[in-house]
Amino acid sequence: MSKFQVKKVAVLGAGVMGAQIAAHLVNVRVPVVLFDLPAKEGPKNGIVMRAIDNLRKLKPAPLGDVADAELIEQANYEDDLAKLGECDLVIEAIAERMDWKLDLYKKIAPHVARHAILASNTSGLSITKLSEALPEALKPRFCGIHFFNPPRYMFLVELINTPTTEPQVLDQLEAFVTSALGKGVVRAKDTPNFIANRVGIAGMLATLKEVEKFGLTPDVVDDLTGKKLGRASSGTFRTADVVGLDTMAHVVKTLQDNLSAQTDPFYANFATPPVLAKLLELGNLGQKTKAGFYKKAGRDILRFDLAKGDYVPSGEKADEVYGRMLRKPAAQRLKLLRESEGAQGRFLWAILRDSFHYAAVHLATIAESARDVDFAMRWGFGMKQGPFELWQEAGWAQVAKWIREDIDAGEVLSNAPLPKWVFDGPVAEAGGVHTPEGSWSASESRFVPQRRLPVHERQLFPESVLGSNAPDANQAGTTIQDEGDVRLWTLDGEVLIASIHSKMHAISPDVADTLAA
């Protein structure tokens, strides 16, 4: 692989995502030029100036030090296109409009350096279609790069190639994103919404369907689908509020516009849920408008009730019996939920089954392997385990049998059968999709090993999936001391390693005292 160094980056588009990507670049001391349209009034770089000023106010803070906002160089498309020639990487992050992006590419193409990579930060538009506006010389250096919001905090970055993207371009970009930006990279196929949003938003829509079916309220659902389920503590509805209901609606519309009943057997479930449509109509877009599925009134938190068309008191919790069920080992847990007679238990089994079903049906078309799906859901949606990991841990054959029985009984969201590889061949023989040899690729009908670039070779304990039998850093080496928030250990008897396991890896007084000793 040829040497590729990113000494300077251009970000095109000073909207929420573009500005925050620029902020994360200066956080890690990568020089960045932030572009946008020339302002119609006042200073020409007024749009960029306002975006940078807003970075100082956003929560959670996109900048490690607000003073670093001054490090972002300002530019506009009328006066400063020549600055693109100074950049090794150009990230386009304008609004999700295919026509706007194509027009911009025609404008910038003559100015992009001959060695530079051009990448579009789109959440779901076709990377191949975007590439069609580029000159032939630039197509091999073009790909998709999808940061999750907020870029400083979200670990996942998806990279997407086109038929004309040179393989080394994605290798070079993955090395930079991993080593310089501190992210986890998943390579997705060029399908609508890629991996994480395709599976995640389909799962959220399925959850809303099951909520309606079982008659549960948002506060109970969030109590069930948060930490108890091994997912983000915000659960389902609070997560939607944080992300923004307009953002969620946009991703849903991408699925609606680019898929059909012929290309996705779950398509009937992609209709905009009535409760989401009503909140959008009211302009209640979630946290950004201080009202969405939830609204704060003084010290009280209210939830939206679609039947009443208004907010009502919230705070109801799930039945404790389901919390106890969810603490059981995976095989017991899923069996108890499936056999549960209560609405909350049947709801939990339904959303887990739906996630297994959807991921299996679409694995061949959206990802190279099951590992990429599990990483994407862990890193992009805050899940402790991806769907394939949980399925495998609970007993591959037994869970597959349960899903097939539910399909035959018409209890699922789609009558699409599970793929043959679920029941026959190497996966069935191995007891799951993840093995020490690699993870199952449905498109290649084989287990594929984890990609090992030079940047990965420097990682003693790279991210792994259940079933891969990868070494665990928490158990590795020789422990010297393991008290409080710090484990002191060594791999070679010479270098002492301190592993911090305080909440959020904070430097607590205990950590400080141990490190100072």
Protein backbone atom coordinates (compact mmCIF):
# COMPACT_ATOMS: atom_id res chain seq x y z
CA MET A 1 0.00 0.00 0.00
CA SER A 2 1.41 3.38 -0.99
CA LYS A 3 2.05 5.96 1.72
CA PHE A 4 -0.78 8.42 2.14
CA GLN A 5 -0.59 11.23 4.65
CA VAL A 6 -3.43 13.57 5.51
CA LYS A 7 -1.81 16.90 6.32
CA LYS A 8 -4.86 19.03 5.60
CA VAL A 9 -8.58 18.39 5.08
CA ALA A 10 -11.31 20.40 3.38
CA VAL A 11 -14.89 20.02 4.62
CA LEU A 12 -17.56 21.20 2.21
CA GLY A 13 -20.70 22.38 3.96
CA ALA A 14 -20.89 24.22 7.28
CA GLY A 15 -24.16 22.70 8.40
CA VAL A 16 -24.50 20.72 11.62
CA MET A 17 -22.55 17.68 10.39
CA GLY A 18 -19.93 19.50 8.33
CA ALA A 19 -19.07 21.93 11.12
CA GLN A 20 -18.84 19.13 13.69
CA ILE A 21 -16.62 17.02 11.44
CA ALA A 22 -14.35 20.06 11.11
CA ALA A 23 -14.41 20.44 14.89
CA HIS A 24 -13.33 16.85 15.44
CA LEU A 25 -10.48 17.29 12.96
CA VAL A 26 -9.07 20.24 14.90
CA ASN A 27 -9.63 18.29 18.13
CA VAL A 28 -6.96 15.88 16.88
CA ARG A 29 -4.85 18.70 15.43
CA VAL A 30 -5.55 18.04 11.75
CA PRO A 31 -5.66 21.39 9.87
CA VAL A 32 -9.04 21.91 8.24
CA VAL A 33 -10.67 24.36 5.83
CA LEU A 34 -14.45 24.69 6.21
CA PHE A 35 -16.32 25.79 3.06
CA ASP A 36 -19.83 27.02 2.41
CA LEU A 37 -21.70 29.34 0.07
CA PRO A 38 -20.75 33.02 0.10
CA ALA A 39 -23.08 34.97 2.36
CA LYS A 40 -25.54 37.29 0.59
CA GLU A 41 -24.99 39.99 3.19
CA GLY A 42 -22.03 40.94 5.36
CA PRO A 43 -18.69 39.10 5.20
CA LYS A 44 -18.49 36.54 2.41
CA ASN A 45 -17.57 33.81 4.90
CA GLY A 46 -20.48 34.77 7.14
CA ILE A 47 -22.17 31.36 6.92
CA VAL A 48 -18.98 29.61 8.02
CA MET A 49 -18.32 32.21 10.71
CA ARG A 50 -21.75 31.61 12.24
CA ALA A 51 -21.29 27.85 12.06
CA ILE A 52 -17.96 28.05 13.87
CA ASP A 53 -19.43 30.36 16.49
CA ASN A 54 -22.25 27.87 17.02
CA LEU A 55 -19.71 25.12 17.71
CA ARG A 56 -18.82 26.95 20.93
CA LYS A 57 -22.43 26.66 22.15
CA LEU A 58 -23.48 23.16 21.09
CA LYS A 59 -24.14 20.41 23.63
CA PRO A 60 -22.61 17.90 23.81
CA ALA A 61 -19.55 20.00 23.04
CA PRO A 62 -18.07 19.18 19.61
CA LEU A 63 -14.78 20.86 20.60
CA GLY A 64 -12.46 19.61 23.31
CA ASP A 65 -11.36 23.22 23.85
CA VAL A 66 -13.64 25.98 22.57
CA ALA A 67 -10.57 28.08 21.79
CA ASP A 68 -9.74 25.57 19.04
CA ALA A 69 -12.62 26.96 16.99
CA GLU A 70 -10.10 29.56 15.84
CA LEU A 71 -8.07 26.79 14.16
CA ILE A 72 -10.80 26.14 11.57
CA GLU A 73 -9.93 28.03 8.40
CA GLN A 74 -12.89 29.76 6.74
CA ALA A 75 -13.62 29.59 3.02
CA ASN A 76 -16.36 29.97 0.43
CA TYR A 77 -16.96 28.43 -3.00
CA GLU A 78 -16.64 31.73 -4.87
CA ASP A 79 -13.21 32.93 -3.73
CA ASP A 80 -11.38 29.96 -2.24
CA LEU A 81 -11.66 26.88 -4.45
CA ALA A 82 -7.90 27.01 -5.07
CA LYS A 83 -7.43 26.02 -1.40
CA LEU A 84 -8.74 22.56 -2.29
CA GLY A 85 -5.44 21.92 -4.02
CA GLU A 86 -3.69 22.13 -0.63
CA CYS A 87 -5.81 19.34 0.85
CA ASP A 88 -5.17 15.59 0.90
CA LEU A 89 -8.74 14.74 1.82
CA VAL A 90 -11.95 16.53 0.79
CA ILE A 91 -15.12 15.61 2.69
CA GLU A 92 -18.38 16.79 1.16
CA ALA A 93 -21.06 17.21 3.84
CA ILE A 94 -23.77 19.41 2.33
CA ALA A 95 -27.52 18.74 2.57
CA GLU A 96 -28.85 15.34 1.49
CA ARG A 97 -29.91 16.48 -1.98
CA MET A 98 -28.53 14.49 -4.87
CA ASP A 99 -28.87 17.41 -7.31
CA TRP A 100 -27.04 19.84 -4.99
CA LYS A 101 -24.20 17.40 -4.44
CA LEU A 102 -23.79 16.71 -8.16
CA ASP A 103 -23.70 20.44 -8.94
CA LEU A 104 -21.05 20.99 -6.27
CA TYR A 105 -18.89 18.15 -7.60
CA LYS A 106 -18.81 19.71 -11.04
CA LYS A 107 -17.67 22.98 -9.46
CA ILE A 108 -14.90 21.55 -7.26
CA ALA A 109 -13.55 18.73 -9.47
CA PRO A 110 -10.98 20.87 -11.36
CA HIS A 111 -9.51 22.08 -8.06
CA VAL A 112 -9.11 18.80 -6.15
CA ALA A 113 -5.44 17.77 -5.88
CA ARG A 114 -4.40 14.86 -8.09
CA HIS A 115 -3.50 12.68 -5.11
CA ALA A 116 -6.43 13.68 -2.87
CA ILE A 117 -9.35 11.50 -1.80
CA LEU A 118 -12.83 12.95 -2.27
CA ALA A 119 -15.49 11.46 0.03
CA SER A 120 -19.18 12.19 0.49
CA ASN A 121 -20.57 12.18 4.02
CA THR A 122 -24.04 11.02 3.09
CA SER A 123 -26.28 8.96 5.34
CA GLY A 124 -27.81 6.95 2.55
CA LEU A 125 -27.62 8.37 -0.99
CA SER A 126 -26.08 6.15 -3.66
CA ILE A 127 -22.32 6.66 -3.76
CA THR A 128 -22.16 5.16 -7.24
CA LYS A 129 -24.75 7.64 -8.57
CA LEU A 130 -22.88 10.52 -6.94
CA SER A 131 -19.67 9.42 -8.67
CA GLU A 132 -21.26 9.78 -12.10
CA ALA A 133 -20.82 13.56 -11.98
CA LEU A 134 -17.04 13.26 -11.56
CA PRO A 135 -14.37 13.25 -14.27
CA GLU A 136 -12.83 9.87 -15.00
CA ALA A 137 -9.55 10.84 -13.30
CA LEU A 138 -11.30 11.52 -9.99
CA LYS A 139 -13.67 8.53 -9.87
CA PRO A 140 -11.01 6.08 -8.57
CA ARG A 141 -10.36 8.43 -5.61
CA PHE A 142 -14.03 8.90 -4.68
CA CYS A 143 -15.97 7.02 -2.01
CA GLY A 144 -18.55 7.44 0.71
CA ILE A 145 -17.72 8.23 4.33
CA HIS A 146 -20.58 8.26 6.85
CA PHE A 147 -19.85 9.77 10.25
CA PHE A 148 -22.50 9.22 12.90
CA ASN A 149 -23.82 12.24 14.77
CA PRO A 150 -22.28 13.71 16.88
CA PRO A 151 -18.94 12.96 15.15
CA ARG A 152 -16.78 13.65 18.19
CA TYR A 153 -18.57 11.06 20.31
CA MET A 154 -19.87 8.37 17.96
CA PHE A 155 -17.34 5.62 17.29
CA LEU A 156 -18.78 4.36 14.00
CA VAL A 157 -17.68 5.52 10.55
CA GLU A 158 -18.96 3.67 7.48
CA LEU A 159 -16.87 3.63 4.30
CA ILE A 160 -18.55 2.83 0.98
CA ASN A 161 -16.90 2.23 -2.37
CA THR A 162 -18.18 2.39 -5.95
CA PRO A 163 -17.32 0.03 -8.81
CA THR A 164 -14.59 2.51 -9.85
CA THR A 165 -13.07 3.20 -6.41
CA GLU A 166 -9.50 1.93 -6.15
CA PRO A 167 -9.21 -0.57 -3.26
CA GLN A 168 -6.20 1.23 -1.81
CA VAL A 169 -8.28 4.41 -1.39
CA LEU A 170 -10.51 2.77 1.21
CA ASP A 171 -7.45 1.24 2.88
CA GLN A 172 -5.80 4.66 3.09
CA LEU A 173 -8.95 6.33 4.39
CA GLU A 174 -9.55 3.58 6.95
CA ALA A 175 -5.99 3.99 8.25
CA PHE A 176 -6.51 7.75 8.70
CA VAL A 177 -9.97 7.47 10.28
CA THR A 178 -8.75 4.76 12.67
CA SER A 179 -5.40 6.17 13.73
CA ALA A 180 -5.93 9.93 13.52
CA LEU A 181 -9.64 10.25 14.34
CA GLY A 182 -9.92 7.31 16.74
CA LYS A 183 -12.92 5.71 15.03
CA GLY A 184 -14.12 2.20 14.27
CA VAL A 185 -14.55 1.57 10.56
CA VAL A 186 -17.13 -0.66 8.90
CA ARG A 187 -17.21 -1.08 5.13
CA ALA A 188 -20.73 -1.07 3.77
CA LYS A 189 -22.13 -1.98 0.40
CA ASP A 190 -23.68 0.81 -1.66
CA THR A 191 -27.28 0.14 -0.71
CA PRO A 192 -29.89 2.58 0.72
CA ASN A 193 -28.82 3.80 4.20
CA PHE A 194 -25.84 1.41 4.17
CA ILE A 195 -25.63 -0.91 7.22
CA ALA A 196 -26.27 0.84 10.52
CA ASN A 197 -29.15 3.08 9.47
CA ARG A 198 -30.64 0.36 7.26
CA VAL A 199 -30.80 -2.17 10.09
CA GLY A 200 -31.21 0.36 12.88
CA ILE A 201 -34.04 2.43 11.38
CA ALA A 202 -35.80 -0.72 10.14
CA GLY A 203 -35.53 -1.91 13.74
CA MET A 204 -36.91 1.35 15.10
CA LEU A 205 -39.87 1.19 12.69
CA ALA A 206 -40.44 -2.44 13.68
CA THR A 207 -40.36 -1.40 17.34
CA LEU A 208 -43.02 1.27 16.69
CA LYS A 209 -45.15 -1.36 14.95
CA GLU A 210 -44.79 -3.75 17.89
CA VAL A 211 -45.48 -0.91 20.38
CA GLU A 212 -48.79 -0.29 18.62
CA LYS A 213 -49.57 -4.02 18.51
CA PHE A 214 -48.95 -4.57 22.22
CA GLY A 215 -50.37 -1.23 23.40
CA LEU A 216 -47.31 0.00 25.30
CA THR A 217 -46.39 3.60 26.16
CA PRO A 218 -43.07 5.31 25.26
CA ASP A 219 -41.85 5.51 28.86
CA VAL A 220 -42.39 1.78 29.45
CA VAL A 221 -40.77 0.95 26.10
CA ASP A 222 -37.72 3.09 26.89
CA ASP A 223 -37.39 1.38 30.27
CA LEU A 224 -37.47 -2.00 28.51
CA THR A 225 -35.25 -1.15 25.54
CA GLY A 226 -32.47 0.75 27.31
CA LYS A 227 -29.73 -0.66 29.51
CA LYS A 228 -31.88 -3.62 30.56
CA LEU A 229 -31.79 -4.84 26.96
CA GLY A 230 -28.08 -4.05 26.53
CA ARG A 231 -28.74 -0.96 24.44
CA ALA A 232 -28.26 2.79 24.82
CA SER A 233 -29.68 4.04 28.11
CA SER A 234 -31.98 6.42 26.22
CA GLY A 235 -33.99 3.48 24.88
CA THR A 236 -36.07 3.91 21.73
CA PHE A 237 -38.13 7.10 21.93
CA ARG A 238 -35.63 9.24 23.84
CA THR A 239 -32.96 8.21 21.33
CA ALA A 240 -35.23 9.38 18.51
CA ASP A 241 -35.69 12.72 20.28
CA VAL A 242 -31.93 13.16 20.68
CA VAL A 243 -31.22 12.26 17.04
CA GLY A 244 -34.06 14.51 15.84
CA LEU A 245 -37.39 13.36 14.47
CA ASP A 246 -36.73 15.23 11.23
CA THR A 247 -33.47 13.31 10.84
CA MET A 248 -35.25 10.05 11.53
CA ALA A 249 -37.97 10.96 9.03
CA HIS A 250 -35.32 11.73 6.41
CA VAL A 251 -33.71 8.30 6.83
CA VAL A 252 -37.13 6.67 6.68
CA LYS A 253 -37.91 8.57 3.48
CA THR A 254 -34.63 7.36 1.96
CA LEU A 255 -35.81 3.81 2.56
CA GLN A 256 -39.25 4.62 1.16
CA ASP A 257 -37.86 6.29 -1.97
CA ASN A 258 -35.09 3.83 -2.79
CA LEU A 259 -36.60 0.49 -1.87
CA SER A 260 -39.76 -1.36 -2.84
CA ALA A 261 -41.67 -4.51 -1.96
CA GLN A 262 -39.59 -6.25 -4.64
CA THR A 263 -36.22 -5.19 -3.21
CA ASP A 264 -37.11 -5.41 0.49
CA PRO A 265 -39.79 -7.83 1.75
CA PHE A 266 -40.17 -5.69 4.89
CA TYR A 267 -41.06 -2.62 2.83
CA ALA A 268 -44.66 -2.45 4.07
CA ASN A 269 -43.29 -1.56 7.51
CA PHE A 270 -41.47 1.53 6.19
CA ALA A 271 -44.58 3.71 6.14
CA THR A 272 -44.14 6.77 8.35
CA PRO A 273 -45.69 5.85 11.72
CA PRO A 274 -48.78 7.96 12.55
CA VAL A 275 -47.25 9.25 15.79
CA LEU A 276 -44.11 10.39 13.97
CA ALA A 277 -46.17 12.06 11.23
CA LYS A 278 -48.22 13.92 13.85
CA LEU A 279 -45.16 15.18 15.74
CA LEU A 280 -43.58 16.35 12.48
CA GLU A 281 -46.80 18.16 11.61
CA LEU A 282 -46.68 19.92 14.98
CA GLY A 283 -43.03 20.88 14.45
CA ASN A 284 -42.04 18.86 17.52
CA LEU A 285 -38.72 17.51 16.30
CA GLY A 286 -37.28 16.27 19.57
CA GLN A 287 -34.55 17.68 21.75
CA LYS A 288 -33.71 20.49 19.31
CA THR A 289 -37.24 21.95 19.62
CA LYS A 290 -37.64 20.95 23.30
CA ALA A 291 -40.57 18.71 22.38
CA GLY A 292 -40.84 15.39 20.58
CA PHE A 293 -41.96 12.08 21.99
CA TYR A 294 -41.20 13.77 25.31
CA LYS A 295 -41.47 17.33 26.57
CA LYS A 296 -40.24 18.91 29.76
CA ALA A 297 -42.76 21.02 31.72
CA GLY A 298 -41.05 22.58 34.71
CA ARG A 299 -39.59 19.64 36.60
CA ASP A 300 -41.97 17.15 35.00
CA ILE A 301 -41.35 15.04 31.90
CA LEU A 302 -44.42 14.54 29.72
CA ARG A 303 -44.90 12.02 26.91
CA PHE A 304 -46.88 12.50 23.71
CA ASP A 305 -50.19 10.61 23.54
CA LEU A 306 -51.33 10.23 19.93
CA ALA A 307 -54.94 9.42 20.85
CA LYS A 308 -55.24 12.65 22.81
CA GLY A 309 -52.99 14.63 20.48
CA ASP A 310 -51.30 16.14 23.50
CA TYR A 311 -48.72 15.53 26.20
CA VAL A 312 -49.58 13.56 29.34
CA PRO A 313 -47.58 12.68 32.48
CA SER A 314 -44.88 10.03 31.99
CA GLY A 315 -42.60 8.08 34.27
CA GLU A 316 -44.25 4.66 34.13
CA LYS A 317 -41.77 1.79 34.49
CA ALA A 318 -41.72 -1.72 33.08
CA ASP A 319 -42.81 -4.68 35.18
CA GLU A 320 -39.84 -5.81 37.31
CA VAL A 321 -40.26 -9.43 36.22
CA TYR A 322 -38.94 -8.53 32.76
CA GLY A 323 -35.92 -6.82 34.23
CA ARG A 324 -35.14 -10.08 36.02
CA MET A 325 -35.65 -12.04 32.79
CA LEU A 326 -33.24 -9.77 30.94
CA ARG A 327 -30.50 -10.51 33.47
CA LYS A 328 -30.63 -14.23 32.67
CA PRO A 329 -28.12 -15.90 30.30
CA ALA A 330 -29.03 -15.36 26.65
CA ALA A 331 -30.58 -18.77 26.00
CA GLN A 332 -32.79 -18.59 29.10
CA ARG A 333 -33.61 -14.95 28.48
CA LEU A 334 -34.97 -15.45 24.97
CA LYS A 335 -36.87 -18.61 25.96
CA LEU A 336 -38.56 -16.81 28.86
CA LEU A 337 -39.48 -13.83 26.68
CA ARG A 338 -40.88 -16.01 23.89
CA GLU A 339 -43.00 -18.00 26.33
CA SER A 340 -44.13 -14.92 28.26
CA GLU A 341 -47.85 -14.27 28.50
CA GLY A 342 -47.50 -10.58 29.33
CA ALA A 343 -47.51 -7.87 26.66
CA GLN A 344 -44.12 -6.49 27.71
CA GLY A 345 -42.38 -9.86 27.44
CA ARG A 346 -43.99 -10.71 24.11
CA PHE A 347 -43.02 -7.25 22.85
CA LEU A 348 -39.37 -7.82 23.79
CA TRP A 349 -39.26 -11.19 22.05
CA ALA A 350 -40.93 -9.65 18.99
CA ILE A 351 -38.41 -6.82 18.54
CA LEU A 352 -35.44 -9.16 19.05
CA ARG A 353 -36.89 -11.70 16.61
CA ASP A 354 -37.60 -8.92 14.10
CA SER A 355 -33.97 -7.75 14.32
CA PHE A 356 -32.62 -11.27 13.77
CA HIS A 357 -35.01 -11.84 10.86
CA TYR A 358 -34.20 -8.56 9.10
CA ALA A 359 -30.43 -8.87 9.52
CA ALA A 360 -30.37 -12.43 8.19
CA VAL A 361 -32.55 -11.69 5.15
CA HIS A 362 -30.42 -8.70 4.13
CA LEU A 363 -26.92 -9.78 5.12
CA ALA A 364 -25.90 -10.75 1.58
CA THR A 365 -26.82 -7.38 0.08
CA ILE A 366 -25.72 -4.83 2.69
CA ALA A 367 -22.47 -6.11 4.21
CA GLU A 368 -19.39 -8.16 3.51
CA SER A 369 -19.99 -10.24 6.62
CA ALA A 370 -22.08 -10.61 9.78
CA ARG A 371 -19.22 -9.02 11.71
CA ASP A 372 -19.79 -5.69 9.92
CA VAL A 373 -23.48 -5.74 10.87
CA ASP A 374 -22.72 -6.43 14.51
CA PHE A 375 -19.98 -3.79 14.68
CA ALA A 376 -22.25 -1.23 12.99
CA MET A 377 -25.08 -1.80 15.46
CA ARG A 378 -22.76 -1.76 18.46
CA TRP A 379 -20.88 1.37 17.43
CA GLY A 380 -23.71 3.27 15.74
CA PHE A 381 -26.66 2.42 17.99
CA GLY A 382 -25.02 1.80 21.35
CA MET A 383 -25.85 -1.91 21.54
CA LYS A 384 -23.83 -4.16 23.83
CA GLN A 385 -24.16 -6.93 21.24
CA GLY A 386 -25.09 -6.92 17.58
CA PRO A 387 -28.08 -9.02 16.45
CA PHE A 388 -25.99 -11.92 15.17
CA GLU A 389 -23.91 -12.05 18.36
CA LEU A 390 -27.00 -12.29 20.58
CA TRP A 391 -28.62 -14.86 18.30
CA GLN A 392 -25.46 -17.00 18.34
CA GLU A 393 -25.01 -16.73 22.12
CA ALA A 394 -28.64 -17.76 22.72
CA GLY A 395 -28.26 -20.91 20.59
CA TRP A 396 -28.19 -20.54 16.83
CA ALA A 397 -30.31 -23.55 15.85
CA GLN A 398 -32.94 -23.07 18.57
CA VAL A 399 -33.49 -19.37 17.85
CA ALA A 400 -33.62 -20.06 14.09
CA LYS A 401 -36.32 -22.69 14.77
CA TRP A 402 -38.34 -20.18 16.82
CA ILE A 403 -38.11 -17.54 14.09
CA ARG A 404 -39.22 -20.04 11.43
CA GLU A 405 -42.17 -21.08 13.60
CA ASP A 406 -43.20 -17.43 14.01
CA ILE A 407 -42.92 -16.90 10.24
CA ASP A 408 -45.11 -19.96 9.59
CA ALA A 409 -47.63 -18.71 12.16
CA GLY A 410 -47.81 -15.27 10.52
CA GLU A 411 -46.64 -13.47 13.67
CA VAL A 412 -43.78 -11.61 12.00
CA LEU A 413 -43.57 -8.36 10.03
CA SER A 414 -42.71 -10.14 6.77
CA ASN A 415 -43.31 -13.67 5.52
CA ALA A 416 -39.83 -13.72 3.93
CA PRO A 417 -38.18 -17.02 4.89
CA LEU A 418 -34.82 -17.14 6.62
CA PRO A 419 -32.01 -17.79 4.11
CA LYS A 420 -30.98 -21.42 3.57
CA TRP A 421 -27.52 -20.79 5.05
CA VAL A 422 -29.15 -20.25 8.45
CA PHE A 423 -30.16 -23.93 8.63
CA ASP A 424 -27.75 -25.80 6.35
CA GLY A 425 -24.03 -25.81 5.67
CA PRO A 426 -21.10 -24.16 7.44
CA VAL A 427 -23.10 -21.76 9.66
CA ALA A 428 -25.33 -24.51 11.04
CA GLU A 429 -22.31 -26.76 11.55
CA ALA A 430 -20.38 -24.01 13.35
CA GLY A 431 -23.34 -23.04 15.51
CA GLY A 432 -23.37 -19.45 14.28
CA VAL A 433 -21.94 -16.83 11.95
CA HIS A 434 -18.83 -15.95 13.99
CA THR A 435 -15.92 -18.38 14.27
CA PRO A 436 -12.18 -18.13 15.02
CA GLU A 437 -11.60 -18.40 11.26
CA GLY A 438 -13.83 -15.46 10.45
CA SER A 439 -17.45 -14.30 10.14
CA TRP A 440 -20.03 -15.50 7.63
CA SER A 441 -20.26 -13.73 4.30
CA ALA A 442 -23.63 -14.56 2.79
CA SER A 443 -22.59 -13.01 -0.53
CA GLU A 444 -19.44 -15.16 -0.75
CA SER A 445 -20.80 -18.24 1.07
CA ARG A 446 -17.76 -18.51 3.33
CA PHE A 447 -16.30 -17.29 6.60
CA VAL A 448 -14.12 -14.24 5.96
CA PRO A 449 -11.36 -13.15 8.36
CA GLN A 450 -11.19 -9.66 9.79
CA ARG A 451 -9.36 -7.20 7.56
CA ARG A 452 -5.78 -6.63 8.74
CA LEU A 453 -4.22 -3.39 7.50
CA PRO A 454 -0.93 -2.12 8.95
CA VAL A 455 -2.93 0.18 11.26
CA HIS A 456 -4.66 -2.88 12.71
CA GLU A 457 -1.41 -4.76 13.21
CA ARG A 458 -0.45 -2.12 15.75
CA GLN A 459 -3.55 -2.91 17.82
CA LEU A 460 -2.79 -5.62 20.37
CA PHE A 461 -6.48 -6.11 21.13
CA PRO A 462 -8.59 -5.04 18.14
CA GLU A 463 -12.38 -5.01 18.41
CA SER A 464 -13.80 -8.51 18.10
CA VAL A 465 -17.13 -10.34 18.05
CA LEU A 466 -18.47 -13.11 20.22
CA GLY A 467 -17.42 -16.46 18.77
CA SER A 468 -14.14 -15.22 17.30
CA ASN A 469 -12.18 -16.38 20.38
CA ALA A 470 -10.11 -13.20 20.24
CA PRO A 471 -7.93 -12.41 23.28
CA ASP A 472 -9.58 -10.17 25.88
CA ALA A 473 -7.50 -7.25 27.15
CA ASN A 474 -9.33 -7.48 30.49
CA GLN A 475 -8.00 -10.98 31.03
CA ALA A 476 -4.67 -10.79 29.20
CA GLY A 477 -1.17 -10.54 30.63
CA THR A 478 -0.03 -10.70 34.24
CA THR A 479 -1.93 -8.60 36.76
CA ILE A 480 0.27 -6.62 39.15
CA GLN A 481 -2.55 -4.81 40.94
CA ASP A 482 -6.30 -4.61 40.38
CA GLU A 483 -7.95 -2.32 42.89
CA GLY A 484 -10.50 0.46 42.61
CA ASP A 485 -10.68 1.99 39.14
CA VAL A 486 -7.31 0.82 37.78
CA ARG A 487 -5.80 -2.48 36.75
CA LEU A 488 -1.99 -2.50 36.51
CA TRP A 489 -0.66 -5.32 34.37
CA THR A 490 2.06 -6.32 31.94
CA LEU A 491 2.37 -8.37 28.77
CA ASP A 492 6.15 -8.75 28.71
CA GLY A 493 7.27 -8.16 32.30
CA GLU A 494 8.91 -4.88 31.30
CA VAL A 495 6.22 -2.41 30.25
CA LEU A 496 3.58 -1.61 32.89
CA ILE A 497 0.08 -1.01 31.51
CA ALA A 498 -2.68 0.85 33.35
CA SER A 499 -6.24 -0.02 32.34
CA ILE A 500 -8.75 2.53 33.62
CA HIS A 501 -12.24 1.19 34.21
CA SER A 502 -13.88 4.07 36.02
CA LYS A 503 -17.19 5.36 34.65
CA MET A 504 -16.53 6.84 31.18
CA HIS A 505 -12.81 6.16 31.88
CA ALA A 506 -12.65 9.36 33.88
CA ILE A 507 -9.49 10.26 35.80
CA SER A 508 -11.07 9.83 39.23
CA PRO A 509 -9.17 10.52 42.50
CA ASP A 510 -8.57 6.77 42.76
CA VAL A 511 -7.09 6.69 39.24
CA ALA A 512 -4.91 9.73 39.95
CA ASP A 513 -3.61 8.24 43.22
CA THR A 514 -2.80 4.90 41.58
CA LEU A 515 -0.98 6.50 38.65
CA ALA A 516 0.98 8.80 40.96
CA ALA A 517 2.10 5.96 43.24
